[in-house]
Amino acid sequence: MNTEAAKPEQSNTRPEQSTRSVSGMVVSDKMDKTITVLVERRFKHPLYKKYIRRSTRLHAHDAENECHIGDTVKLKECRPLSRTKCWRLVEILERSV
């Protein structure tokens, strides 16, 4: 009997799907290797049933300084990189004109 084959493999890394990802528009690129992204979300009011828009401004790491104001980008959550920065740029979905 081989008991090693019965044990499932365990890894210390988190599964790919467990990290959050959001998309939004770049509203500031003045900091070095950091962008500010406006992320909008919509939800239905529990009493009045009207859809409400709320927005959040997130700081994200842009390693190559490739984003500009108006770009639509996709972000992924990561470990804290600074006091306010815990998101990383994944891709630029749409460039601004």
PDB file of N, CA and C in Angstrom:
ATOM      1  N   MET A   1       0.830  -1.181   0.000  1.00  0.00           N
ATOM      2  CA  MET A   1       0.000   0.000   0.000  1.00  0.00           C
ATOM      3  C   MET A   1       0.880   1.252   0.000  1.00  0.00           C
ATOM      4  N   ASN A   2       0.614   2.091  -0.946  1.00  0.00           N
ATOM      5  CA  ASN A   2       1.348   3.342  -1.047  1.00  0.00           C
ATOM      6  C   ASN A   2       0.483   4.459  -0.461  1.00  0.00           C
ATOM      7  N   THR A   3       0.885   4.968   0.694  1.00  0.00           N
ATOM      8  CA  THR A   3       0.081   6.002   1.356  1.00  0.00           C
ATOM      9  C   THR A   3       0.343   7.386   0.783  1.00  0.00           C
ATOM     10  N   GLU A   4       1.447   7.576   0.081  1.00  0.00           N
ATOM     11  CA  GLU A   4       1.765   8.887  -0.473  1.00  0.00           C
ATOM     12  C   GLU A   4       0.819   9.254  -1.610  1.00  0.00           C
ATOM     13  N   ALA A   5       0.348   8.291  -2.363  1.00  0.00           N
ATOM     14  CA  ALA A   5      -0.530   8.580  -3.491  1.00  0.00           C
ATOM     15  C   ALA A   5      -1.921   9.001  -3.032  1.00  0.00           C
ATOM     16  N   ALA A   6      -2.315   8.616  -1.828  1.00  0.00           N
ATOM     17  CA  ALA A   6      -3.653   8.940  -1.343  1.00  0.00           C
ATOM     18  C   ALA A   6      -3.752  10.377  -0.826  1.00  0.00           C
ATOM     19  N   LYS A   7      -2.623  11.013  -0.486  1.00  0.00           N
ATOM     20  CA  LYS A   7      -2.645  12.371   0.049  1.00  0.00           C
ATOM     21  C   LYS A   7      -2.812  13.379  -1.089  1.00  0.00           C
ATOM     22  N   PRO A   8      -3.743  14.290  -0.961  1.00  0.00           N
ATOM     23  CA  PRO A   8      -3.858  15.332  -1.987  1.00  0.00           C
ATOM     24  C   PRO A   8      -2.719  16.336  -1.836  1.00  0.00           C
ATOM     25  N   GLU A   9      -2.298  16.892  -2.943  1.00  0.00           N
ATOM     26  CA  GLU A   9      -1.211  17.863  -2.899  1.00  0.00           C
ATOM     27  C   GLU A   9      -1.736  19.184  -2.369  1.00  0.00           C
ATOM     28  N   GLN A  10      -0.953  19.798  -1.498  1.00  0.00           N
ATOM     29  CA  GLN A  10      -1.320  21.086  -0.945  1.00  0.00           C
ATOM     30  C   GLN A  10      -0.270  22.096  -1.357  1.00  0.00           C
ATOM     31  N   SER A  11      -0.732  23.284  -1.700  1.00  0.00           N
ATOM     32  CA  SER A  11       0.203  24.346  -2.035  1.00  0.00           C
ATOM     33  C   SER A  11      -0.114  25.561  -1.178  1.00  0.00           C
ATOM     34  N   ASN A  12       0.875  26.408  -1.007  1.00  0.00           N
ATOM     35  CA  ASN A  12       0.711  27.598  -0.187  1.00  0.00           C
ATOM     36  C   ASN A  12       0.152  28.774  -0.973  1.00  0.00           C
ATOM     37  N   THR A  13       0.009  28.634  -2.279  1.00  0.00           N
ATOM     38  CA  THR A  13      -0.512  29.729  -3.081  1.00  0.00           C
ATOM     39  C   THR A  13      -2.025  29.685  -3.115  1.00  0.00           C
ATOM     40  N   ARG A  14      -2.625  30.872  -3.245  1.00  0.00           N
ATOM     41  CA  ARG A  14      -4.077  30.949  -3.321  1.00  0.00           C
ATOM     42  C   ARG A  14      -4.530  30.577  -4.721  1.00  0.00           C
ATOM     43  N   PRO A  15      -5.703  29.985  -4.850  1.00  0.00           N
ATOM     44  CA  PRO A  15      -6.214  29.682  -6.186  1.00  0.00           C
ATOM     45  C   PRO A  15      -6.424  30.959  -6.987  1.00  0.00           C
ATOM     46  N   GLU A  16      -6.358  30.848  -8.290  1.00  0.00           N
ATOM     47  CA  GLU A  16      -6.442  32.009  -9.172  1.00  0.00           C
ATOM     48  C   GLU A  16      -7.784  32.726  -9.048  1.00  0.00           C
ATOM     49  N   GLN A  17      -8.870  32.002  -8.823  1.00  0.00           N
ATOM     50  CA  GLN A  17     -10.194  32.604  -8.789  1.00  0.00           C
ATOM     51  C   GLN A  17     -10.483  33.331  -7.478  1.00  0.00           C
ATOM     52  N   SER A  18      -9.723  33.111  -6.434  1.00  0.00           N
ATOM     53  CA  SER A  18     -10.057  33.695  -5.146  1.00  0.00           C
ATOM     54  C   SER A  18      -9.629  35.154  -5.031  1.00  0.00           C
ATOM     55  N   THR A  19      -8.763  35.650  -5.916  1.00  0.00           N
ATOM     56  CA  THR A  19      -8.374  37.048  -5.860  1.00  0.00           C
ATOM     57  C   THR A  19      -9.380  37.890  -6.619  1.00  0.00           C
ATOM     58  N   ARG A  20      -9.750  39.019  -6.040  1.00  0.00           N
ATOM     59  CA  ARG A  20     -10.753  39.877  -6.663  1.00  0.00           C
ATOM     60  C   ARG A  20     -10.154  40.641  -7.835  1.00  0.00           C
ATOM     61  N   SER A  21     -10.969  40.898  -8.838  1.00  0.00           N
ATOM     62  CA  SER A  21     -10.553  41.743  -9.951  1.00  0.00           C
ATOM     63  C   SER A  21     -11.695  42.687 -10.282  1.00  0.00           C
ATOM     64  N   VAL A  22     -11.343  43.928 -10.629  1.00  0.00           N
ATOM     65  CA  VAL A  22     -12.319  44.952 -10.967  1.00  0.00           C
ATOM     66  C   VAL A  22     -11.828  45.697 -12.200  1.00  0.00           C
ATOM     67  N   SER A  23     -12.736  46.407 -12.842  1.00  0.00           N
ATOM     68  CA  SER A  23     -12.350  47.261 -13.960  1.00  0.00           C
ATOM     69  C   SER A  23     -12.878  48.658 -13.701  1.00  0.00           C
ATOM     70  N   GLY A  24     -12.154  49.658 -14.197  1.00  0.00           N
ATOM     71  CA  GLY A  24     -12.547  51.038 -13.979  1.00  0.00           C
ATOM     72  C   GLY A  24     -11.768  51.971 -14.880  1.00  0.00           C
ATOM     73  N   MET A  25     -11.948  53.279 -14.661  1.00  0.00           N
ATOM     74  CA  MET A  25     -11.312  54.284 -15.498  1.00  0.00           C
ATOM     75  C   MET A  25     -10.231  55.021 -14.712  1.00  0.00           C
ATOM     76  N   VAL A  26      -9.093  55.264 -15.363  1.00  0.00           N
ATOM     77  CA  VAL A  26      -7.984  55.966 -14.734  1.00  0.00           C
ATOM     78  C   VAL A  26      -8.348  57.448 -14.627  1.00  0.00           C
ATOM     79  N   VAL A  27      -8.277  57.995 -13.408  1.00  0.00           N
ATOM     80  CA  VAL A  27      -8.577  59.406 -13.204  1.00  0.00           C
ATOM     81  C   VAL A  27      -7.334  60.211 -12.839  1.00  0.00           C
ATOM     82  N   SER A  28      -6.236  59.545 -12.490  1.00  0.00           N
ATOM     83  CA  SER A  28      -4.994  60.247 -12.189  1.00  0.00           C
ATOM     84  C   SER A  28      -3.810  59.330 -12.468  1.00  0.00           C
ATOM     85  N   ASP A  29      -2.775  59.906 -13.103  1.00  0.00           N
ATOM     86  CA  ASP A  29      -1.535  59.158 -13.344  1.00  0.00           C
ATOM     87  C   ASP A  29      -0.320  59.995 -12.966  1.00  0.00           C
ATOM     88  N   LYS A  30      -0.481  60.918 -12.030  1.00  0.00           N
ATOM     89  CA  LYS A  30       0.582  61.859 -11.686  1.00  0.00           C
ATOM     90  C   LYS A  30       1.655  61.250 -10.793  1.00  0.00           C
ATOM     91  N   MET A  31       1.338  60.179 -10.092  1.00  0.00           N
ATOM     92  CA  MET A  31       2.315  59.549  -9.212  1.00  0.00           C
ATOM     93  C   MET A  31       3.188  58.585 -10.007  1.00  0.00           C
ATOM     94  N   ASP A  32       4.394  58.348  -9.527  1.00  0.00           N
ATOM     95  CA  ASP A  32       5.307  57.438 -10.206  1.00  0.00           C
ATOM     96  C   ASP A  32       4.894  55.997  -9.919  1.00  0.00           C
ATOM     97  N   LYS A  33       4.630  55.233 -10.975  1.00  0.00           N
ATOM     98  CA  LYS A  33       4.260  53.817 -10.911  1.00  0.00           C
ATOM     99  C   LYS A  33       2.966  53.576 -10.130  1.00  0.00           C
ATOM    100  N   THR A  34       2.112  54.587 -10.044  1.00  0.00           N
ATOM    101  CA  THR A  34       0.831  54.461  -9.355  1.00  0.00           C
ATOM    102  C   THR A  34      -0.238  55.181 -10.157  1.00  0.00           C
ATOM    103  N   ILE A  35      -1.392  54.545 -10.283  1.00  0.00           N
ATOM    104  CA  ILE A  35      -2.536  55.176 -10.931  1.00  0.00           C
ATOM    105  C   ILE A  35      -3.710  55.171  -9.958  1.00  0.00           C
ATOM    106  N   THR A  36      -4.603  56.130 -10.139  1.00  0.00           N
ATOM    107  CA  THR A  36      -5.845  56.170  -9.373  1.00  0.00           C
ATOM    108  C   THR A  36      -6.967  55.788 -10.319  1.00  0.00           C
ATOM    109  N   VAL A  37      -7.742  54.780  -9.935  1.00  0.00           N
ATOM    110  CA  VAL A  37      -8.782  54.230 -10.804  1.00  0.00           C
ATOM    111  C   VAL A  37     -10.137  54.423 -10.134  1.00  0.00           C
ATOM    112  N   LEU A  38     -11.105  54.943 -10.896  1.00  0.00           N
ATOM    113  CA  LEU A  38     -12.470  55.109 -10.426  1.00  0.00           C
ATOM    114  C   LEU A  38     -13.260  53.868 -10.808  1.00  0.00           C
ATOM    115  N   VAL A  39     -13.748  53.143  -9.804  1.00  0.00           N
ATOM    116  CA  VAL A  39     -14.511  51.917 -10.023  1.00  0.00           C
ATOM    117  C   VAL A  39     -15.953  52.191  -9.615  1.00  0.00           C
ATOM    118  N   GLU A  40     -16.885  51.998 -10.557  1.00  0.00           N
ATOM    119  CA  GLU A  40     -18.302  52.212 -10.264  1.00  0.00           C
ATOM    120  C   GLU A  40     -18.999  50.879 -10.079  1.00  0.00           C
ATOM    121  N   ARG A  41     -19.946  50.853  -9.141  1.00  0.00           N
ATOM    122  CA  ARG A  41     -20.747  49.661  -8.929  1.00  0.00           C
ATOM    123  C   ARG A  41     -22.202  50.086  -8.851  1.00  0.00           C
ATOM    124  N   ARG A  42     -23.097  49.197  -9.246  1.00  0.00           N
ATOM    125  CA  ARG A  42     -24.532  49.464  -9.213  1.00  0.00           C
ATOM    126  C   ARG A  42     -25.197  48.431  -8.316  1.00  0.00           C
ATOM    127  N   PHE A  43     -26.153  48.894  -7.512  1.00  0.00           N
ATOM    128  CA  PHE A  43     -26.907  47.967  -6.682  1.00  0.00           C
ATOM    129  C   PHE A  43     -28.321  48.497  -6.524  1.00  0.00           C
ATOM    130  N   LYS A  44     -29.213  47.610  -6.205  1.00  0.00           N
ATOM    131  CA  LYS A  44     -30.620  47.970  -6.038  1.00  0.00           C
ATOM    132  C   LYS A  44     -30.873  48.379  -4.589  1.00  0.00           C
ATOM    133  N   HIS A  45     -31.543  49.510  -4.408  1.00  0.00           N
ATOM    134  CA  HIS A  45     -31.884  49.981  -3.072  1.00  0.00           C
ATOM    135  C   HIS A  45     -32.852  48.982  -2.430  1.00  0.00           C
ATOM    136  N   PRO A  46     -32.599  48.568  -1.190  1.00  0.00           N
ATOM    137  CA  PRO A  46     -33.423  47.511  -0.595  1.00  0.00           C
ATOM    138  C   PRO A  46     -34.891  47.899  -0.401  1.00  0.00           C
ATOM    139  N   LEU A  47     -35.179  49.179  -0.164  1.00  0.00           N
ATOM    140  CA  LEU A  47     -36.556  49.601   0.075  1.00  0.00           C
ATOM    141  C   LEU A  47     -37.229  50.131  -1.192  1.00  0.00           C
ATOM    142  N   TYR A  48     -36.516  51.003  -1.924  1.00  0.00           N
ATOM    143  CA  TYR A  48     -37.140  51.692  -3.055  1.00  0.00           C
ATOM    144  C   TYR A  48     -36.920  50.994  -4.393  1.00  0.00           C
ATOM    145  N   LYS A  49     -36.095  49.971  -4.427  1.00  0.00           N
ATOM    146  CA  LYS A  49     -35.857  49.141  -5.613  1.00  0.00           C
ATOM    147  C   LYS A  49     -35.276  49.918  -6.796  1.00  0.00           C
ATOM    148  N   LYS A  50     -34.700  51.066  -6.537  1.00  0.00           N
ATOM    149  CA  LYS A  50     -34.070  51.841  -7.603  1.00  0.00           C
ATOM    150  C   LYS A  50     -32.587  51.482  -7.651  1.00  0.00           C
ATOM    151  N   TYR A  51     -32.027  51.396  -8.859  1.00  0.00           N
ATOM    152  CA  TYR A  51     -30.610  51.108  -8.997  1.00  0.00           C
ATOM    153  C   TYR A  51     -29.808  52.367  -8.702  1.00  0.00           C
ATOM    154  N   ILE A  52     -28.820  52.219  -7.835  1.00  0.00           N
ATOM    155  CA  ILE A  52     -27.997  53.331  -7.389  1.00  0.00           C
ATOM    156  C   ILE A  52     -26.563  53.075  -7.823  1.00  0.00           C
ATOM    157  N   ARG A  53     -25.881  54.146  -8.271  1.00  0.00           N
ATOM    158  CA  ARG A  53     -24.474  54.039  -8.641  1.00  0.00           C
ATOM    159  C   ARG A  53     -23.616  54.588  -7.513  1.00  0.00           C
ATOM    160  N   ARG A  54     -22.625  53.835  -7.124  1.00  0.00           N
ATOM    161  CA  ARG A  54     -21.642  54.277  -6.146  1.00  0.00           C
ATOM    162  C   ARG A  54     -20.263  54.085  -6.770  1.00  0.00           C
ATOM    163  N   SER A  55     -19.310  54.922  -6.358  1.00  0.00           N
ATOM    164  CA  SER A  55     -17.976  54.818  -6.937  1.00  0.00           C
ATOM    165  C   SER A  55     -16.928  54.755  -5.833  1.00  0.00           C
ATOM    166  N   THR A  56     -15.800  54.150  -6.168  1.00  0.00           N
ATOM    167  CA  THR A  56     -14.669  54.001  -5.268  1.00  0.00           C
ATOM    168  C   THR A  56     -13.405  54.349  -6.037  1.00  0.00           C
ATOM    169  N   ARG A  57     -12.501  55.067  -5.390  1.00  0.00           N
ATOM    170  CA  ARG A  57     -11.220  55.390  -6.018  1.00  0.00           C
ATOM    171  C   ARG A  57     -10.156  54.471  -5.414  1.00  0.00           C
ATOM    172  N   LEU A  58      -9.491  53.707  -6.264  1.00  0.00           N
ATOM    173  CA  LEU A  58      -8.468  52.759  -5.824  1.00  0.00           C
ATOM    174  C   LEU A  58      -7.114  53.177  -6.369  1.00  0.00           C
ATOM    175  N   HIS A  59      -6.072  52.997  -5.570  1.00  0.00           N
ATOM    176  CA  HIS A  59      -4.703  53.195  -6.037  1.00  0.00           C
ATOM    177  C   HIS A  59      -4.174  51.847  -6.502  1.00  0.00           C
ATOM    178  N   ALA A  60      -3.551  51.831  -7.680  1.00  0.00           N
ATOM    179  CA  ALA A  60      -3.057  50.580  -8.248  1.00  0.00           C
ATOM    180  C   ALA A  60      -1.623  50.757  -8.724  1.00  0.00           C
ATOM    181  N   HIS A  61      -0.883  49.664  -8.723  1.00  0.00           N
ATOM    182  CA  HIS A  61       0.510  49.663  -9.145  1.00  0.00           C
ATOM    183  C   HIS A  61       0.597  49.515 -10.661  1.00  0.00           C
ATOM    184  N   ASP A  62       1.265  50.470 -11.306  1.00  0.00           N
ATOM    185  CA  ASP A  62       1.499  50.465 -12.750  1.00  0.00           C
ATOM    186  C   ASP A  62       3.009  50.466 -12.947  1.00  0.00           C
ATOM    187  N   ALA A  63       3.606  49.303 -13.091  1.00  0.00           N
ATOM    188  CA  ALA A  63       5.063  49.157 -13.067  1.00  0.00           C
ATOM    189  C   ALA A  63       5.760  49.902 -14.199  1.00  0.00           C
ATOM    190  N   GLU A  64       5.148  49.947 -15.396  1.00  0.00           N
ATOM    191  CA  GLU A  64       5.801  50.575 -16.544  1.00  0.00           C
ATOM    192  C   GLU A  64       5.299  51.988 -16.830  1.00  0.00           C
ATOM    193  N   ASN A  65       4.453  52.548 -15.984  1.00  0.00           N
ATOM    194  CA  ASN A  65       3.852  53.867 -16.219  1.00  0.00           C
ATOM    195  C   ASN A  65       3.216  53.953 -17.598  1.00  0.00           C
ATOM    196  N   GLU A  66       2.456  52.932 -17.983  1.00  0.00           N
ATOM    197  CA  GLU A  66       1.889  52.878 -19.324  1.00  0.00           C
ATOM    198  C   GLU A  66       0.461  53.396 -19.406  1.00  0.00           C
ATOM    199  N   CYS A  67      -0.200  53.654 -18.280  1.00  0.00           N
ATOM    200  CA  CYS A  67      -1.587  54.128 -18.292  1.00  0.00           C
ATOM    201  C   CYS A  67      -1.634  55.645 -18.306  1.00  0.00           C
ATOM    202  N   HIS A  68      -2.699  56.165 -18.914  1.00  0.00           N
ATOM    203  CA  HIS A  68      -2.939  57.603 -18.957  1.00  0.00           C
ATOM    204  C   HIS A  68      -4.374  57.873 -18.535  1.00  0.00           C
ATOM    205  N   ILE A  69      -4.671  59.124 -18.260  1.00  0.00           N
ATOM    206  CA  ILE A  69      -6.014  59.505 -17.815  1.00  0.00           C
ATOM    207  C   ILE A  69      -7.027  59.156 -18.891  1.00  0.00           C
ATOM    208  N   GLY A  70      -8.115  58.517 -18.489  1.00  0.00           N
ATOM    209  CA  GLY A  70      -9.182  58.143 -19.412  1.00  0.00           C
ATOM    210  C   GLY A  70      -9.122  56.705 -19.876  1.00  0.00           C
ATOM    211  N   ASP A  71      -8.029  55.993 -19.616  1.00  0.00           N
ATOM    212  CA  ASP A  71      -7.925  54.589 -20.011  1.00  0.00           C
ATOM    213  C   ASP A  71      -8.861  53.735 -19.159  1.00  0.00           C
ATOM    214  N   THR A  72      -9.434  52.711 -19.767  1.00  0.00           N
ATOM    215  CA  THR A  72     -10.205  51.720 -19.027  1.00  0.00           C
ATOM    216  C   THR A  72      -9.279  50.546 -18.748  1.00  0.00           C
ATOM    217  N   VAL A  73      -9.145  50.166 -17.478  1.00  0.00           N
ATOM    218  CA  VAL A  73      -8.161  49.162 -17.080  1.00  0.00           C
ATOM    219  C   VAL A  73      -8.810  48.077 -16.240  1.00  0.00           C
ATOM    220  N   LYS A  74      -8.113  46.946 -16.143  1.00  0.00           N
ATOM    221  CA  LYS A  74      -8.524  45.841 -15.281  1.00  0.00           C
ATOM    222  C   LYS A  74      -7.484  45.710 -14.179  1.00  0.00           C
ATOM    223  N   LEU A  75      -7.961  45.624 -12.925  1.00  0.00           N
ATOM    224  CA  LEU A  75      -7.088  45.519 -11.763  1.00  0.00           C
ATOM    225  C   LEU A  75      -7.313  44.198 -11.059  1.00  0.00           C
ATOM    226  N   LYS A  76      -6.283  43.772 -10.337  1.00  0.00           N
ATOM    227  CA  LYS A  76      -6.365  42.546  -9.556  1.00  0.00           C
ATOM    228  C   LYS A  76      -5.814  42.836  -8.168  1.00  0.00           C
ATOM    229  N   GLU A  77      -6.469  42.281  -7.160  1.00  0.00           N
ATOM    230  CA  GLU A  77      -6.035  42.510  -5.788  1.00  0.00           C
ATOM    231  C   GLU A  77      -4.743  41.751  -5.514  1.00  0.00           C
ATOM    232  N   CYS A  78      -3.865  42.354  -4.715  1.00  0.00           N
ATOM    233  CA  CYS A  78      -2.585  41.716  -4.385  1.00  0.00           C
ATOM    234  C   CYS A  78      -2.226  42.078  -2.944  1.00  0.00           C
ATOM    235  N   ARG A  79      -1.044  41.720  -2.540  1.00  0.00           N
ATOM    236  CA  ARG A  79      -0.577  42.050  -1.197  1.00  0.00           C
ATOM    237  C   ARG A  79      -0.414  43.569  -1.088  1.00  0.00           C
ATOM    238  N   PRO A  80      -0.416  44.116   0.116  1.00  0.00           N
ATOM    239  CA  PRO A  80      -0.227  45.564   0.252  1.00  0.00           C
ATOM    240  C   PRO A  80       1.150  45.991  -0.247  1.00  0.00           C
ATOM    241  N   LEU A  81       1.158  46.944  -1.177  1.00  0.00           N
ATOM    242  CA  LEU A  81       2.407  47.458  -1.731  1.00  0.00           C
ATOM    243  C   LEU A  81       2.833  48.745  -1.038  1.00  0.00           C
ATOM    244  N   SER A  82       1.887  49.452  -0.461  1.00  0.00           N
ATOM    245  CA  SER A  82       2.159  50.644   0.333  1.00  0.00           C
ATOM    246  C   SER A  82       0.977  50.848   1.273  1.00  0.00           C
ATOM    247  N   ARG A  83       0.910  52.020   1.879  1.00  0.00           N
ATOM    248  CA  ARG A  83      -0.175  52.277   2.831  1.00  0.00           C
ATOM    249  C   ARG A  83      -1.542  52.263   2.149  1.00  0.00           C
ATOM    250  N   THR A  84      -1.625  52.755   0.926  1.00  0.00           N
ATOM    251  CA  THR A  84      -2.917  52.852   0.242  1.00  0.00           C
ATOM    252  C   THR A  84      -3.032  51.955  -0.978  1.00  0.00           C
ATOM    253  N   LYS A  85      -1.978  51.267  -1.355  1.00  0.00           N
ATOM    254  CA  LYS A  85      -1.956  50.543  -2.628  1.00  0.00           C
ATOM    255  C   LYS A  85      -1.949  49.036  -2.403  1.00  0.00           C
ATOM    256  N   CYS A  86      -3.042  48.362  -2.812  1.00  0.00           N
ATOM    257  CA  CYS A  86      -3.093  46.900  -2.721  1.00  0.00           C
ATOM    258  C   CYS A  86      -3.766  46.311  -3.961  1.00  0.00           C
ATOM    259  N   TRP A  87      -3.667  47.006  -5.094  1.00  0.00           N
ATOM    260  CA  TRP A  87      -4.180  46.530  -6.371  1.00  0.00           C
ATOM    261  C   TRP A  87      -3.067  46.627  -7.403  1.00  0.00           C
ATOM    262  N   ARG A  88      -3.101  45.738  -8.384  1.00  0.00           N
ATOM    263  CA  ARG A  88      -2.078  45.699  -9.431  1.00  0.00           C
ATOM    264  C   ARG A  88      -2.760  45.749 -10.797  1.00  0.00           C
ATOM    265  N   LEU A  89      -2.158  46.486 -11.736  1.00  0.00           N
ATOM    266  CA  LEU A  89      -2.681  46.585 -13.094  1.00  0.00           C
ATOM    267  C   LEU A  89      -2.490  45.257 -13.816  1.00  0.00           C
ATOM    268  N   VAL A  90      -3.569  44.721 -14.399  1.00  0.00           N
ATOM    269  CA  VAL A  90      -3.501  43.471 -15.150  1.00  0.00           C
ATOM    270  C   VAL A  90      -3.390  43.772 -16.635  1.00  0.00           C
ATOM    271  N   GLU A  91      -4.328  44.590 -17.146  1.00  0.00           N
ATOM    272  CA  GLU A  91      -4.298  44.933 -18.562  1.00  0.00           C
ATOM    273  C   GLU A  91      -5.049  46.229 -18.798  1.00  0.00           C
ATOM    274  N   ILE A  92      -4.744  46.850 -19.931  1.00  0.00           N
ATOM    275  CA  ILE A  92      -5.464  48.036 -20.369  1.00  0.00           C
ATOM    276  C   ILE A  92      -6.525  47.566 -21.346  1.00  0.00           C
ATOM    277  N   LEU A  93      -7.796  47.745 -20.978  1.00  0.00           N
ATOM    278  CA  LEU A  93      -8.890  47.269 -21.814  1.00  0.00           C
ATOM    279  C   LEU A  93      -9.150  48.207 -22.984  1.00  0.00           C
ATOM    280  N   GLU A  94      -9.054  49.514 -22.740  1.00  0.00           N
ATOM    281  CA  GLU A  94      -9.333  50.491 -23.795  1.00  0.00           C
ATOM    282  C   GLU A  94      -8.497  51.734 -23.545  1.00  0.00           C
ATOM    283  N   ARG A  95      -7.800  52.201 -24.578  1.00  0.00           N
ATOM    284  CA  ARG A  95      -6.987  53.409 -24.479  1.00  0.00           C
ATOM    285  C   ARG A  95      -7.847  54.645 -24.698  1.00  0.00           C
ATOM    286  N   SER A  96      -7.487  55.748 -24.026  1.00  0.00           N
ATOM    287  CA  SER A  96      -8.188  57.002 -24.266  1.00  0.00           C
ATOM    288  C   SER A  96      -7.625  57.643 -25.535  1.00  0.00           C
ATOM    289  N   VAL A  97      -8.416  58.512 -26.118  1.00  0.00           N
ATOM    290  CA  VAL A  97      -8.002  59.145 -27.383  1.00  0.00           C
ATOM    291  C   VAL A  97      -7.161  60.356 -27.120  1.00  0.00           C
TER     292      VAL A  97
END
